[in-house]
Amino acid sequence: MNKLLALCGLILLAGCGATTTIDEYRPSNQVMDINSEQSVVILGRRDAGHYDTDREFINCVANKMKGADIGVFPEQQFVDAIYPWFEPRTAPKGLKRLRRLVEDPAIKEQIESNGIRYLVWLDGSTETHDQGGSISCAVGPGGGGCFGFAQWEKSSTYEAIVWDLTNLTEKGRLRVDSSGTSYLLGVVAPIPLLTPVKNDACTSLGTQLKQFFTVDQSQ
C-alpha cells in the first residue's frame, strides 16, 4: 500500500498533460480573406460502412473557430443542402473531383446561396494503446475497496485540408499530433487521472485554423 501511495504522489506531481505538436503547410504566408457574409464549413472524411471521422471532434474544432468575425456553417446542414454529393460514397477526395462537382449549376448555386467560401476537410482519429497494469475490487461483510494500478497511452492524429470554393484551390494543410498517458489508481475507490489528449488536439487545431483567416471589414 505504501508503494502504491508513493506512486500516486509521483503521478499527481507529474500531472497528466498531453504533448501536442502541430505542423502547417501553406503555399504562401498570405492570410485568407473572408467577409461577414461568408462562412467556413468543416467536414469529416468518411467512407461508407467502415470509417467515420469523430463528429464530436469536428464540432469541437468548429466551436473553437467560431467568433465574432468568422462564421462556421453547420456540417450536417451543408451535407443535406448538397445531398447526395457529400455523402460518404460520393464525397470528393481531391480537388479534381471537387472542380467537376462545382461545375454543376445546382451545386454551385447552393454553395453561393449559403455563403460558403472555404471547405475544411478533417480526417483523423484518437486511439488507445499500450495498456498495462490491473485493478481489482472486492466487496465483503467488513466493507470493500479497490487496489491496483493501470495505465494506457492515448494519441490523437488529425489533418485538416483547406479548400477555397471560389477559385477551387488548396490553401493549406494542418496536422496535429497529441499524445499522453492516463492512469487509474485503485486506492479504496478507483481514481482516474485522464490526459486531455483529444481536447488538446481540438484546441490546437481550431486555434491554428482560425489564424488562417482575416476578415474583410469593408463588406
Protein backbone atom coordinates (compact mmCIF):
# COMPACT_ATOMS: atom_id res chain seq x y z
CA MET A 1 0.00 0.00 0.00
CA ASN A 2 2.82 2.40 0.86
CA LYS A 3 4.38 1.82 -2.54
CA LEU A 4 1.07 2.49 -4.25
CA LEU A 5 0.54 5.70 -2.30
CA ALA A 6 4.04 6.82 -3.24
CA LEU A 7 3.26 6.07 -6.90
CA CYS A 8 0.05 8.12 -6.60
CA GLY A 9 2.05 11.04 -5.31
CA LEU A 10 4.55 10.85 -8.16
CA ILE A 11 1.79 10.74 -10.78
CA LEU A 12 -0.04 13.68 -9.24
CA LEU A 13 3.20 15.68 -9.21
CA ALA A 14 3.96 14.78 -12.81
CA GLY A 15 0.45 15.60 -13.92
CA CYS A 16 -1.43 14.16 -16.88
CA GLY A 17 -0.61 16.71 -19.53
CA ALA A 18 -0.65 15.91 -23.23
CA THR A 19 2.27 16.54 -25.58
CA THR A 20 0.92 18.27 -28.68
CA THR A 21 2.66 19.31 -31.90
CA ILE A 22 1.17 20.97 -34.96
CA ASP A 23 2.62 21.17 -38.47
CA GLU A 24 1.42 23.70 -41.00
CA TYR A 25 1.83 23.95 -44.76
CA ARG A 26 0.65 26.85 -46.89
CA PRO A 27 1.68 27.73 -50.46
CA SER A 28 2.10 31.34 -49.27
CA ASN A 29 2.02 33.25 -45.99
CA GLN A 30 -0.86 35.39 -47.19
CA VAL A 31 -3.85 35.27 -44.84
CA MET A 32 -7.12 34.20 -46.49
CA ASP A 33 -9.80 36.87 -46.80
CA ILE A 34 -13.36 36.22 -45.68
CA ASN A 35 -16.14 38.75 -45.24
CA SER A 36 -19.01 38.85 -42.76
CA GLU A 37 -21.42 37.29 -45.26
CA GLN A 38 -19.19 34.28 -45.93
CA SER A 39 -18.53 31.20 -43.84
CA VAL A 40 -16.33 28.14 -43.45
CA VAL A 41 -17.67 24.58 -43.36
CA ILE A 42 -15.75 21.77 -41.63
CA LEU A 43 -16.43 18.29 -42.98
CA GLY A 44 -15.22 14.97 -41.64
CA ARG A 45 -13.74 12.43 -44.03
CA ARG A 46 -15.89 9.31 -44.18
CA ASP A 47 -16.01 6.04 -46.07
CA ALA A 48 -19.34 4.25 -46.22
CA GLY A 49 -19.61 1.37 -43.81
CA HIS A 50 -16.26 1.34 -42.07
CA TYR A 51 -14.75 4.78 -41.47
CA ASP A 52 -16.19 7.88 -39.84
CA THR A 53 -14.19 10.84 -38.55
CA ASP A 54 -15.25 11.65 -34.99
CA ARG A 55 -18.25 14.02 -35.20
CA GLU A 56 -17.64 15.20 -31.64
CA PHE A 57 -14.13 16.29 -32.64
CA ILE A 58 -15.44 18.07 -35.75
CA ASN A 59 -17.96 20.00 -33.64
CA CYS A 60 -15.23 20.85 -31.14
CA VAL A 61 -12.95 22.32 -33.84
CA ALA A 62 -15.90 24.24 -35.32
CA ASN A 63 -16.67 25.77 -31.92
CA LYS A 64 -13.03 26.78 -31.45
CA MET A 65 -13.09 28.56 -34.82
CA LYS A 66 -16.31 30.45 -34.23
CA GLY A 67 -16.08 34.06 -33.25
CA ALA A 68 -17.50 37.48 -33.86
CA ASP A 69 -15.72 37.62 -37.21
CA ILE A 70 -15.66 34.07 -38.62
CA GLY A 71 -18.85 32.16 -39.32
CA VAL A 72 -18.82 28.35 -39.37
CA PHE A 73 -21.57 26.68 -41.39
CA PRO A 74 -23.01 23.52 -39.73
CA GLU A 75 -21.62 20.32 -41.24
CA GLN A 76 -24.88 18.36 -41.46
CA GLN A 77 -26.75 21.34 -42.91
CA PHE A 78 -24.17 21.56 -45.69
CA VAL A 79 -24.33 17.82 -46.41
CA ASP A 80 -28.14 17.98 -46.55
CA ALA A 81 -28.15 21.07 -48.80
CA ILE A 82 -25.97 19.35 -51.43
CA TYR A 83 -27.34 15.83 -50.99
CA PRO A 84 -26.13 13.32 -52.07
CA TRP A 85 -22.81 14.73 -53.30
CA PHE A 86 -21.09 14.90 -49.91
CA GLU A 87 -22.34 11.60 -48.55
CA PRO A 88 -19.60 9.03 -47.74
CA ARG A 89 -19.90 7.17 -51.07
CA THR A 90 -19.90 10.27 -53.26
CA ALA A 91 -17.86 12.97 -51.46
CA PRO A 92 -14.86 14.25 -53.47
CA LYS A 93 -11.47 13.05 -52.24
CA GLY A 94 -9.47 15.63 -54.18
CA LEU A 95 -9.64 18.97 -55.96
CA LYS A 96 -10.12 17.43 -59.42
CA ARG A 97 -13.36 15.78 -58.34
CA LEU A 98 -14.45 18.91 -56.43
CA ARG A 99 -13.99 21.07 -59.51
CA ARG A 100 -16.23 18.76 -61.53
CA LEU A 101 -18.89 18.92 -58.82
CA VAL A 102 -18.87 22.71 -58.61
CA GLU A 103 -19.36 22.92 -62.38
CA ASP A 104 -22.88 21.61 -61.72
CA PRO A 105 -25.09 24.76 -61.60
CA ALA A 106 -27.31 23.34 -58.84
CA ILE A 107 -24.35 22.60 -56.55
CA LYS A 108 -22.70 25.94 -57.29
CA GLU A 109 -25.95 27.75 -56.52
CA GLN A 110 -26.27 26.01 -53.14
CA ILE A 111 -22.70 26.92 -52.18
CA GLU A 112 -23.12 30.55 -53.19
CA SER A 113 -26.59 31.00 -51.69
CA ASN A 114 -25.35 29.70 -48.34
CA GLY A 115 -22.30 31.97 -48.47
CA ILE A 116 -19.77 29.14 -48.09
CA ARG A 117 -16.31 30.37 -49.10
CA TYR A 118 -13.98 27.73 -47.64
CA LEU A 119 -14.26 23.99 -47.08
CA VAL A 120 -12.07 22.27 -44.49
CA TRP A 121 -11.68 18.50 -44.87
CA LEU A 122 -10.87 17.00 -41.48
CA ASP A 123 -9.51 13.47 -41.17
CA GLY A 124 -8.11 11.51 -38.24
CA SER A 125 -8.83 9.67 -35.01
CA THR A 126 -7.98 9.19 -31.34
CA GLU A 127 -6.60 5.78 -30.40
CA THR A 128 -5.88 3.94 -27.14
CA HIS A 129 -2.85 1.63 -26.97
CA ASP A 130 -0.07 0.26 -24.74
CA GLN A 131 -2.40 -0.66 -21.89
CA GLY A 132 -0.85 -2.13 -18.74
CA GLY A 133 -1.48 -2.93 -15.09
CA SER A 134 -4.68 -4.08 -13.42
CA ILE A 135 -7.31 -3.02 -10.88
CA SER A 136 -9.16 -5.44 -8.60
CA CYS A 137 -12.16 -4.55 -6.48
CA ALA A 138 -13.85 -6.60 -3.77
CA VAL A 139 -16.94 -6.29 -1.58
CA GLY A 140 -17.24 -8.13 1.74
CA PRO A 141 -19.05 -8.06 5.09
CA GLY A 142 -16.46 -5.71 6.52
CA GLY A 143 -16.52 -3.37 3.54
CA GLY A 144 -14.64 -3.40 0.29
CA GLY A 145 -12.41 -1.43 -1.93
CA CYS A 146 -10.18 -1.40 -4.96
CA PHE A 147 -6.48 -2.00 -5.22
CA GLY A 148 -4.07 -1.78 -8.11
CA PHE A 149 -2.80 0.44 -10.86
CA ALA A 150 -3.48 0.66 -14.60
CA GLN A 151 -2.24 2.94 -17.33
CA TRP A 152 -2.74 3.42 -21.05
CA GLU A 153 -1.47 5.65 -23.83
CA LYS A 154 -3.79 7.77 -25.96
CA SER A 155 -2.86 9.51 -29.18
CA SER A 156 -4.80 11.87 -31.43
CA THR A 157 -3.73 12.49 -35.02
CA TYR A 158 -5.78 14.74 -37.29
CA GLU A 159 -5.17 16.51 -40.58
CA ALA A 160 -7.12 19.46 -41.98
CA ILE A 161 -7.04 20.50 -45.66
CA VAL A 162 -8.43 23.92 -46.58
CA TRP A 163 -10.04 24.43 -49.99
CA ASP A 164 -11.19 27.76 -51.43
CA LEU A 165 -14.57 27.18 -53.07
CA THR A 166 -14.37 30.42 -55.05
CA ASN A 167 -11.22 29.74 -57.05
CA LEU A 168 -11.10 25.98 -56.29
CA THR A 169 -7.56 25.83 -54.93
CA GLU A 170 -5.95 24.28 -51.89
CA LYS A 171 -5.00 26.99 -49.40
CA GLY A 172 -3.16 24.96 -46.79
CA ARG A 173 -2.85 21.91 -44.58
CA LEU A 174 -2.57 21.41 -40.84
CA ARG A 175 -1.61 18.27 -38.94
CA VAL A 176 -1.89 17.94 -35.18
CA ASP A 177 -0.43 15.12 -33.06
CA SER A 178 -1.25 14.87 -29.38
CA SER A 179 -0.31 12.05 -27.00
CA GLY A 180 -0.20 11.30 -23.30
CA THR A 181 -0.64 8.70 -20.59
CA SER A 182 -3.76 8.23 -18.49
CA TYR A 183 -3.90 6.37 -15.18
CA LEU A 184 -6.41 4.56 -12.99
CA LEU A 185 -5.41 4.17 -9.36
CA GLY A 186 -7.09 1.70 -7.03
CA VAL A 187 -6.87 3.20 -3.54
CA VAL A 188 -10.12 2.16 -1.79
CA ALA A 189 -12.05 3.76 -4.67
CA PRO A 190 -10.87 3.94 -8.31
CA ILE A 191 -9.21 7.29 -9.04
CA PRO A 192 -8.97 8.19 -12.76
CA LEU A 193 -6.27 10.61 -13.89
CA LEU A 194 -7.08 11.26 -17.53
CA THR A 195 -4.91 13.04 -20.08
CA PRO A 196 -6.91 15.52 -22.24
CA VAL A 197 -5.35 14.31 -25.50
CA LYS A 198 -8.32 14.85 -27.80
CA ASN A 199 -9.25 18.18 -26.22
CA ASP A 200 -5.68 19.48 -26.63
CA ALA A 201 -5.67 18.37 -30.28
CA CYS A 202 -9.00 20.12 -30.87
CA THR A 203 -7.90 23.36 -29.23
CA SER A 204 -4.60 23.46 -31.11
CA LEU A 205 -6.18 22.68 -34.47
CA GLY A 206 -9.13 25.06 -34.07
CA THR A 207 -6.94 27.94 -32.90
CA GLN A 208 -4.45 27.47 -35.73
CA LEU A 209 -7.19 27.19 -38.36
CA LYS A 210 -8.73 30.41 -37.13
CA GLN A 211 -5.43 32.18 -37.71
CA PHE A 212 -5.58 31.20 -41.40
CA PHE A 213 -8.30 33.79 -41.98
CA THR A 214 -8.61 37.55 -41.87
CA VAL A 215 -11.95 39.31 -42.03
CA ASP A 216 -12.58 41.95 -44.68
CA GLN A 217 -14.36 44.71 -42.75
CA SER A 218 -15.19 46.70 -45.89
CA GLN A 219 -18.09 44.42 -46.85
